[in-house]
């Protein structure tokens, strides 16, 4: 089955929102499905590229954070694979803008806190600017990450995000688990860990990524 060349970027100015974790896990998940995947690490911390190298993964990585180079090279890198996953920089910089001019789908991970919701709204503003220039692209989505079960914050955050136009709120919520936090240090993904918490997170990521890929159709 032929796959269209797709660029999926994780965008948020705030650290600790699960941007790199989501990028690495999506890249790994797509690779397991038999797709040719490349990860573009545009974050100065280089967490996602270091993570993939520690996994000894076959997923190709590129480290790039200069705006002009991102504009020029994203289409070239995307042409070489089925999915190019971009781990965007912390901070809404010119590099973020360059990525949004070249991505098909911009995904915003957002923790259910007031500060994170404000950060997400800033990212949405940048996405809307790109959509205005590009005539509608990129498609945009936001999802709740690192949520704590049984709290009102999660429901309140979903309600607030649902009011934002031009951005879809994904149904799947990724709940905070120590198992997810352990993956980077152990050089693996959630699928490399055992136990009930890991299994629960595996199911959440599976649902989330099906939603994300479904938005490209």
C-alpha atoms as a PDB file:
ATOM      1  CA  UNK A   1       0.000   0.000   0.000  1.00  0.00           C
ATOM      2  CA  UNK A   2       1.474   3.327  -1.069  1.00  0.00           C
ATOM      3  CA  UNK A   3       1.874   5.948   1.623  1.00  0.00           C
ATOM      4  CA  UNK A   4       1.854   9.657   0.916  1.00  0.00           C
ATOM      5  CA  UNK A   5       4.880  11.539   2.158  1.00  0.00           C
ATOM      6  CA  UNK A   6       3.743  13.165   5.391  1.00  0.00           C
ATOM      7  CA  UNK A   7       5.386  15.590   7.793  1.00  0.00           C
ATOM      8  CA  UNK A   8       4.101  15.545  11.378  1.00  0.00           C
ATOM      9  CA  UNK A   9       5.530  18.123  13.771  1.00  0.00           C
ATOM     10  CA  UNK A  10       5.169  18.351  17.550  1.00  0.00           C
ATOM     11  CA  UNK A  11       5.074  22.025  18.503  1.00  0.00           C
ATOM     12  CA  UNK A  12       5.029  23.761  21.877  1.00  0.00           C
ATOM     13  CA  UNK A  13       7.114  26.521  23.420  1.00  0.00           C
ATOM     14  CA  UNK A  14       7.018  24.983  26.899  1.00  0.00           C
ATOM     15  CA  UNK A  15       9.367  22.250  28.051  1.00  0.00           C
ATOM     16  CA  UNK A  16       8.119  19.172  29.871  1.00  0.00           C
ATOM     17  CA  UNK A  17       4.933  18.855  27.816  1.00  0.00           C
ATOM     18  CA  UNK A  18       5.926  15.454  26.338  1.00  0.00           C
ATOM     19  CA  UNK A  19       6.923  16.857  22.945  1.00  0.00           C
ATOM     20  CA  UNK A  20      10.075  14.759  22.555  1.00  0.00           C
ATOM     21  CA  UNK A  21       8.473  11.736  24.212  1.00  0.00           C
ATOM     22  CA  UNK A  22       5.567  11.908  21.768  1.00  0.00           C
ATOM     23  CA  UNK A  23       7.848  12.368  18.747  1.00  0.00           C
ATOM     24  CA  UNK A  24      10.040   9.375  19.625  1.00  0.00           C
ATOM     25  CA  UNK A  25       7.078   7.149  20.437  1.00  0.00           C
ATOM     26  CA  UNK A  26       5.235   8.060  17.224  1.00  0.00           C
ATOM     27  CA  UNK A  27       8.361   7.459  15.141  1.00  0.00           C
ATOM     28  CA  UNK A  28       8.866   4.073  16.806  1.00  0.00           C
ATOM     29  CA  UNK A  29       5.179   3.129  16.462  1.00  0.00           C
ATOM     30  CA  UNK A  30       5.128   3.976  12.741  1.00  0.00           C
ATOM     31  CA  UNK A  31       8.379   2.088  12.202  1.00  0.00           C
ATOM     32  CA  UNK A  32       6.881  -0.993  13.880  1.00  0.00           C
ATOM     33  CA  UNK A  33       3.984  -0.751  11.418  1.00  0.00           C
ATOM     34  CA  UNK A  34       6.463  -1.176   8.575  1.00  0.00           C
ATOM     35  CA  UNK A  35       6.756   2.453   7.475  1.00  0.00           C
ATOM     36  CA  UNK A  36      10.000   4.163   6.557  1.00  0.00           C
ATOM     37  CA  UNK A  37      10.406   6.878   9.184  1.00  0.00           C
ATOM     38  CA  UNK A  38      12.891   9.661   9.835  1.00  0.00           C
ATOM     39  CA  UNK A  39      12.996  11.872  12.915  1.00  0.00           C
ATOM     40  CA  UNK A  40      14.072  15.491  12.590  1.00  0.00           C
ATOM     41  CA  UNK A  41      15.279  16.859  15.923  1.00  0.00           C
ATOM     42  CA  UNK A  42      14.953  20.652  15.865  1.00  0.00           C
ATOM     43  CA  UNK A  43      15.222  21.078  19.634  1.00  0.00           C
ATOM     44  CA  UNK A  44      18.500  22.487  20.957  1.00  0.00           C
ATOM     45  CA  UNK A  45      18.509  19.885  23.748  1.00  0.00           C
ATOM     46  CA  UNK A  46      18.548  17.094  21.135  1.00  0.00           C
ATOM     47  CA  UNK A  47      16.631  14.786  23.489  1.00  0.00           C
ATOM     48  CA  UNK A  48      14.816  12.820  20.798  1.00  0.00           C
ATOM     49  CA  UNK A  49      17.874  12.127  18.618  1.00  0.00           C
ATOM     50  CA  UNK A  50      19.942  11.103  21.656  1.00  0.00           C
ATOM     51  CA  UNK A  51      17.058   8.885  22.775  1.00  0.00           C
ATOM     52  CA  UNK A  52      16.780   7.069  19.447  1.00  0.00           C
ATOM     53  CA  UNK A  53      20.547   6.534  19.306  1.00  0.00           C
ATOM     54  CA  UNK A  54      20.499   5.047  22.821  1.00  0.00           C
ATOM     55  CA  UNK A  55      17.830   2.616  21.584  1.00  0.00           C
ATOM     56  CA  UNK A  56      20.094   1.567  18.706  1.00  0.00           C
ATOM     57  CA  UNK A  57      17.036   2.139  16.567  1.00  0.00           C
ATOM     58  CA  UNK A  58      17.039   1.785  12.798  1.00  0.00           C
ATOM     59  CA  UNK A  59      15.056   5.021  12.561  1.00  0.00           C
ATOM     60  CA  UNK A  60      17.165   7.650  10.798  1.00  0.00           C
ATOM     61  CA  UNK A  61      17.670  10.939  12.620  1.00  0.00           C
ATOM     62  CA  UNK A  62      18.617  14.429  11.495  1.00  0.00           C
ATOM     63  CA  UNK A  63      19.533  17.295  13.821  1.00  0.00           C
ATOM     64  CA  UNK A  64      18.659  20.699  12.388  1.00  0.00           C
ATOM     65  CA  UNK A  65      17.476  23.941  13.971  1.00  0.00           C
ATOM     66  CA  UNK A  66      18.495  26.775  11.615  1.00  0.00           C
ATOM     67  CA  UNK A  67      15.295  28.290  10.140  1.00  0.00           C
ATOM     68  CA  UNK A  68      16.538  28.627   6.540  1.00  0.00           C
ATOM     69  CA  UNK A  69      17.911  25.081   6.569  1.00  0.00           C
ATOM     70  CA  UNK A  70      14.633  23.747   7.956  1.00  0.00           C
ATOM     71  CA  UNK A  71      12.707  25.455   5.144  1.00  0.00           C
ATOM     72  CA  UNK A  72      15.052  24.028   2.545  1.00  0.00           C
ATOM     73  CA  UNK A  73      15.627  20.534   3.889  1.00  0.00           C
ATOM     74  CA  UNK A  74      12.282  19.404   5.320  1.00  0.00           C
ATOM     75  CA  UNK A  75      10.814  18.710   1.848  1.00  0.00           C
ATOM     76  CA  UNK A  76      14.002  16.864   0.840  1.00  0.00           C
ATOM     77  CA  UNK A  77      14.010  14.750   4.004  1.00  0.00           C
ATOM     78  CA  UNK A  78      10.286  14.015   3.680  1.00  0.00           C
ATOM     79  CA  UNK A  79      10.797  12.778   0.122  1.00  0.00           C
ATOM     80  CA  UNK A  80      13.095  10.043   1.430  1.00  0.00           C
ATOM     81  CA  UNK A  81      10.591   8.440   3.824  1.00  0.00           C
ATOM     82  CA  UNK A  82       6.925   7.718   4.422  1.00  0.00           C
ATOM     83  CA  UNK A  83       6.731   9.871   7.555  1.00  0.00           C
ATOM     84  CA  UNK A  84       9.003  12.663   8.725  1.00  0.00           C
ATOM     85  CA  UNK A  85       8.441  13.279  12.441  1.00  0.00           C
ATOM     86  CA  UNK A  86       9.650  16.681  13.650  1.00  0.00           C
ATOM     87  CA  UNK A  87      10.464  17.369  17.297  1.00  0.00           C
ATOM     88  CA  UNK A  88      10.055  21.139  17.309  1.00  0.00           C
ATOM     89  CA  UNK A  89      12.179  23.533  19.366  1.00  0.00           C
ATOM     90  CA  UNK A  90      11.293  24.778  22.822  1.00  0.00           C
ATOM     91  CA  UNK A  91      10.093  28.337  22.357  1.00  0.00           C
ATOM     92  CA  UNK A  92       8.108  29.677  19.444  1.00  0.00           C
ATOM     93  CA  UNK A  93      11.020  30.890  17.376  1.00  0.00           C
ATOM     94  CA  UNK A  94      11.667  31.439  13.686  1.00  0.00           C
ATOM     95  CA  UNK A  95      12.602  27.758  13.581  1.00  0.00           C
ATOM     96  CA  UNK A  96       9.069  26.884  14.723  1.00  0.00           C
ATOM     97  CA  UNK A  97       7.637  29.138  12.031  1.00  0.00           C
ATOM     98  CA  UNK A  98       9.830  27.490   9.384  1.00  0.00           C
ATOM     99  CA  UNK A  99       8.624  24.057  10.476  1.00  0.00           C
ATOM    100  CA  UNK A 100       4.979  25.142  10.277  1.00  0.00           C
ATOM    101  CA  UNK A 101       5.529  26.343   6.719  1.00  0.00           C
ATOM    102  CA  UNK A 102       6.638  22.817   5.768  1.00  0.00           C
ATOM    103  CA  UNK A 103       4.549  20.468   7.911  1.00  0.00           C
ATOM    104  CA  UNK A 104       1.303  18.699   7.008  1.00  0.00           C
ATOM    105  CA  UNK A 105       0.095  18.205  10.578  1.00  0.00           C
ATOM    106  CA  UNK A 106       1.082  20.228  13.647  1.00  0.00           C
ATOM    107  CA  UNK A 107       0.394  18.498  16.961  1.00  0.00           C
ATOM    108  CA  UNK A 108       0.464  20.362  20.282  1.00  0.00           C
ATOM    109  CA  UNK A 109       0.933  18.277  23.443  1.00  0.00           C
ATOM    110  CA  UNK A 110      -0.564  20.159  26.380  1.00  0.00           C
ATOM    111  CA  UNK A 111      -0.549  19.457  30.094  1.00  0.00           C
ATOM    112  CA  UNK A 112      -3.787  20.376  31.902  1.00  0.00           C
ATOM    113  CA  UNK A 113      -2.472  23.425  33.767  1.00  0.00           C
ATOM    114  CA  UNK A 114      -3.148  27.125  33.314  1.00  0.00           C
ATOM    115  CA  UNK A 115       0.418  27.849  32.259  1.00  0.00           C
ATOM    116  CA  UNK A 116       0.408  25.033  29.714  1.00  0.00           C
ATOM    117  CA  UNK A 117      -2.948  26.095  28.297  1.00  0.00           C
ATOM    118  CA  UNK A 118      -1.546  29.611  27.778  1.00  0.00           C
ATOM    119  CA  UNK A 119       1.518  28.129  26.102  1.00  0.00           C
ATOM    120  CA  UNK A 120      -0.697  26.016  23.841  1.00  0.00           C
ATOM    121  CA  UNK A 121      -2.726  29.080  22.853  1.00  0.00           C
ATOM    122  CA  UNK A 122       0.511  30.830  21.837  1.00  0.00           C
ATOM    123  CA  UNK A 123       1.384  27.834  19.651  1.00  0.00           C
ATOM    124  CA  UNK A 124      -2.087  27.918  18.129  1.00  0.00           C
ATOM    125  CA  UNK A 125      -1.583  31.593  17.246  1.00  0.00           C
ATOM    126  CA  UNK A 126       1.593  30.735  15.345  1.00  0.00           C
ATOM    127  CA  UNK A 127      -0.177  27.857  13.585  1.00  0.00           C
ATOM    128  CA  UNK A 128      -3.024  30.168  12.545  1.00  0.00           C
ATOM    129  CA  UNK A 129      -0.491  32.577  11.037  1.00  0.00           C
ATOM    130  CA  UNK A 130       0.995  29.732   9.003  1.00  0.00           C
ATOM    131  CA  UNK A 131      -2.483  28.606   7.945  1.00  0.00           C
ATOM    132  CA  UNK A 132      -3.262  32.126   6.781  1.00  0.00           C
ATOM    133  CA  UNK A 133      -0.110  32.310   4.670  1.00  0.00           C
ATOM    134  CA  UNK A 134      -0.450  28.763   3.298  1.00  0.00           C
ATOM    135  CA  UNK A 135      -4.173  28.855   2.610  1.00  0.00           C
ATOM    136  CA  UNK A 136      -5.226  26.444   5.319  1.00  0.00           C
ATOM    137  CA  UNK A 137      -2.208  24.235   6.000  1.00  0.00           C
ATOM    138  CA  UNK A 138      -1.028  22.769   8.265  1.00  0.00           C
ATOM    139  CA  UNK A 139      -3.825  20.754   9.805  1.00  0.00           C
ATOM    140  CA  UNK A 140      -3.571  21.218  13.581  1.00  0.00           C
ATOM    141  CA  UNK A 141      -4.447  19.152  16.628  1.00  0.00           C
ATOM    142  CA  UNK A 142      -3.910  19.317  20.369  1.00  0.00           C
ATOM    143  CA  UNK A 143      -3.993  16.545  22.949  1.00  0.00           C
ATOM    144  CA  UNK A 144      -3.806  16.404  26.733  1.00  0.00           C
ATOM    145  CA  UNK A 145      -0.565  14.896  28.015  1.00  0.00           C
ATOM    146  CA  UNK A 146       0.636  13.986  31.496  1.00  0.00           C
ATOM    147  CA  UNK A 147      -2.896  14.157  32.896  1.00  0.00           C
ATOM    148  CA  UNK A 148      -3.715  12.803  36.339  1.00  0.00           C
ATOM    149  CA  UNK A 149      -6.746  10.534  36.482  1.00  0.00           C
ATOM    150  CA  UNK A 150      -9.682  11.639  38.566  1.00  0.00           C
ATOM    151  CA  UNK A 151      -8.908  15.356  38.510  1.00  0.00           C
ATOM    152  CA  UNK A 152     -11.121  18.215  37.333  1.00  0.00           C
ATOM    153  CA  UNK A 153      -8.166  19.904  35.645  1.00  0.00           C
ATOM    154  CA  UNK A 154      -8.252  17.425  32.773  1.00  0.00           C
ATOM    155  CA  UNK A 155     -11.943  18.003  31.996  1.00  0.00           C
ATOM    156  CA  UNK A 156     -11.574  21.769  32.371  1.00  0.00           C
ATOM    157  CA  UNK A 157      -8.585  21.792  30.015  1.00  0.00           C
ATOM    158  CA  UNK A 158     -10.442  19.785  27.369  1.00  0.00           C
ATOM    159  CA  UNK A 159     -13.414  22.172  27.615  1.00  0.00           C
ATOM    160  CA  UNK A 160     -11.166  25.214  27.194  1.00  0.00           C
ATOM    161  CA  UNK A 161      -9.215  23.735  24.281  1.00  0.00           C
ATOM    162  CA  UNK A 162     -12.427  22.736  22.520  1.00  0.00           C
ATOM    163  CA  UNK A 163     -13.297  26.433  22.165  1.00  0.00           C
ATOM    164  CA  UNK A 164     -10.233  27.120  20.017  1.00  0.00           C
ATOM    165  CA  UNK A 165     -11.080  27.219  16.324  1.00  0.00           C
ATOM    166  CA  UNK A 166      -8.870  25.782  13.559  1.00  0.00           C
ATOM    167  CA  UNK A 167      -7.474  23.159  15.952  1.00  0.00           C
ATOM    168  CA  UNK A 168      -8.946  19.721  16.663  1.00  0.00           C
ATOM    169  CA  UNK A 169      -8.852  18.357  20.204  1.00  0.00           C
ATOM    170  CA  UNK A 170      -7.896  14.682  20.031  1.00  0.00           C
ATOM    171  CA  UNK A 171     -10.042  12.354  22.118  1.00  0.00           C
ATOM    172  CA  UNK A 172      -7.181  10.326  23.537  1.00  0.00           C
ATOM    173  CA  UNK A 173      -5.576  11.557  26.755  1.00  0.00           C
ATOM    174  CA  UNK A 174      -2.098  10.408  27.787  1.00  0.00           C
ATOM    175  CA  UNK A 175      -2.048   9.961  31.559  1.00  0.00           C
ATOM    176  CA  UNK A 176       1.027  10.515  33.656  1.00  0.00           C
ATOM    177  CA  UNK A 177       2.834   7.291  34.494  1.00  0.00           C
ATOM    178  CA  UNK A 178       6.244   6.581  35.962  1.00  0.00           C
ATOM    179  CA  UNK A 179       6.668   3.973  33.230  1.00  0.00           C
ATOM    180  CA  UNK A 180       6.629   6.720  30.575  1.00  0.00           C
ATOM    181  CA  UNK A 181       9.106   8.810  32.572  1.00  0.00           C
ATOM    182  CA  UNK A 182      11.440   5.794  32.780  1.00  0.00           C
ATOM    183  CA  UNK A 183      11.638   5.183  29.021  1.00  0.00           C
ATOM    184  CA  UNK A 184      14.305   7.778  28.177  1.00  0.00           C
ATOM    185  CA  UNK A 185      16.705   6.645  30.933  1.00  0.00           C
ATOM    186  CA  UNK A 186      16.279   3.017  29.959  1.00  0.00           C
ATOM    187  CA  UNK A 187      16.822   3.681  26.267  1.00  0.00           C
ATOM    188  CA  UNK A 188      13.488   2.246  25.214  1.00  0.00           C
ATOM    189  CA  UNK A 189       9.854   3.130  24.532  1.00  0.00           C
ATOM    190  CA  UNK A 190       6.766   2.197  26.487  1.00  0.00           C
ATOM    191  CA  UNK A 191       6.530  -0.935  24.326  1.00  0.00           C
ATOM    192  CA  UNK A 192       9.851  -2.104  25.738  1.00  0.00           C
ATOM    193  CA  UNK A 193       8.541  -2.146  29.310  1.00  0.00           C
ATOM    194  CA  UNK A 194       6.346  -4.684  31.086  1.00  0.00           C
ATOM    195  CA  UNK A 195       3.759  -4.385  33.836  1.00  0.00           C
ATOM    196  CA  UNK A 196       0.212  -3.046  34.020  1.00  0.00           C
ATOM    197  CA  UNK A 197       1.066   0.703  33.972  1.00  0.00           C
ATOM    198  CA  UNK A 198       3.184   0.217  30.841  1.00  0.00           C
ATOM    199  CA  UNK A 199       0.430  -1.829  29.192  1.00  0.00           C
ATOM    200  CA  UNK A 200      -2.127   0.895  29.948  1.00  0.00           C
ATOM    201  CA  UNK A 201       0.165   3.541  28.430  1.00  0.00           C
ATOM    202  CA  UNK A 202       0.793   1.371  25.378  1.00  0.00           C
ATOM    203  CA  UNK A 203      -2.955   1.292  24.721  1.00  0.00           C
ATOM    204  CA  UNK A 204      -3.253   5.062  25.156  1.00  0.00           C
ATOM    205  CA  UNK A 205      -0.411   5.765  22.726  1.00  0.00           C
ATOM    206  CA  UNK A 206      -1.836   3.292  20.214  1.00  0.00           C
ATOM    207  CA  UNK A 207      -5.188   5.134  20.278  1.00  0.00           C
ATOM    208  CA  UNK A 208      -3.523   8.553  20.123  1.00  0.00           C
ATOM    209  CA  UNK A 209      -1.335   7.696  17.150  1.00  0.00           C
ATOM    210  CA  UNK A 210      -4.229   6.178  15.229  1.00  0.00           C
ATOM    211  CA  UNK A 211      -6.056   9.484  15.734  1.00  0.00           C
ATOM    212  CA  UNK A 212      -3.028  11.490  14.597  1.00  0.00           C
ATOM    213  CA  UNK A 213      -2.425   9.443  11.452  1.00  0.00           C
ATOM    214  CA  UNK A 214      -6.156   9.465  10.758  1.00  0.00           C
ATOM    215  CA  UNK A 215      -6.048  13.264  10.494  1.00  0.00           C
ATOM    216  CA  UNK A 216      -3.781  12.993   7.455  1.00  0.00           C
ATOM    217  CA  UNK A 217      -6.334  11.075   5.391  1.00  0.00           C
END
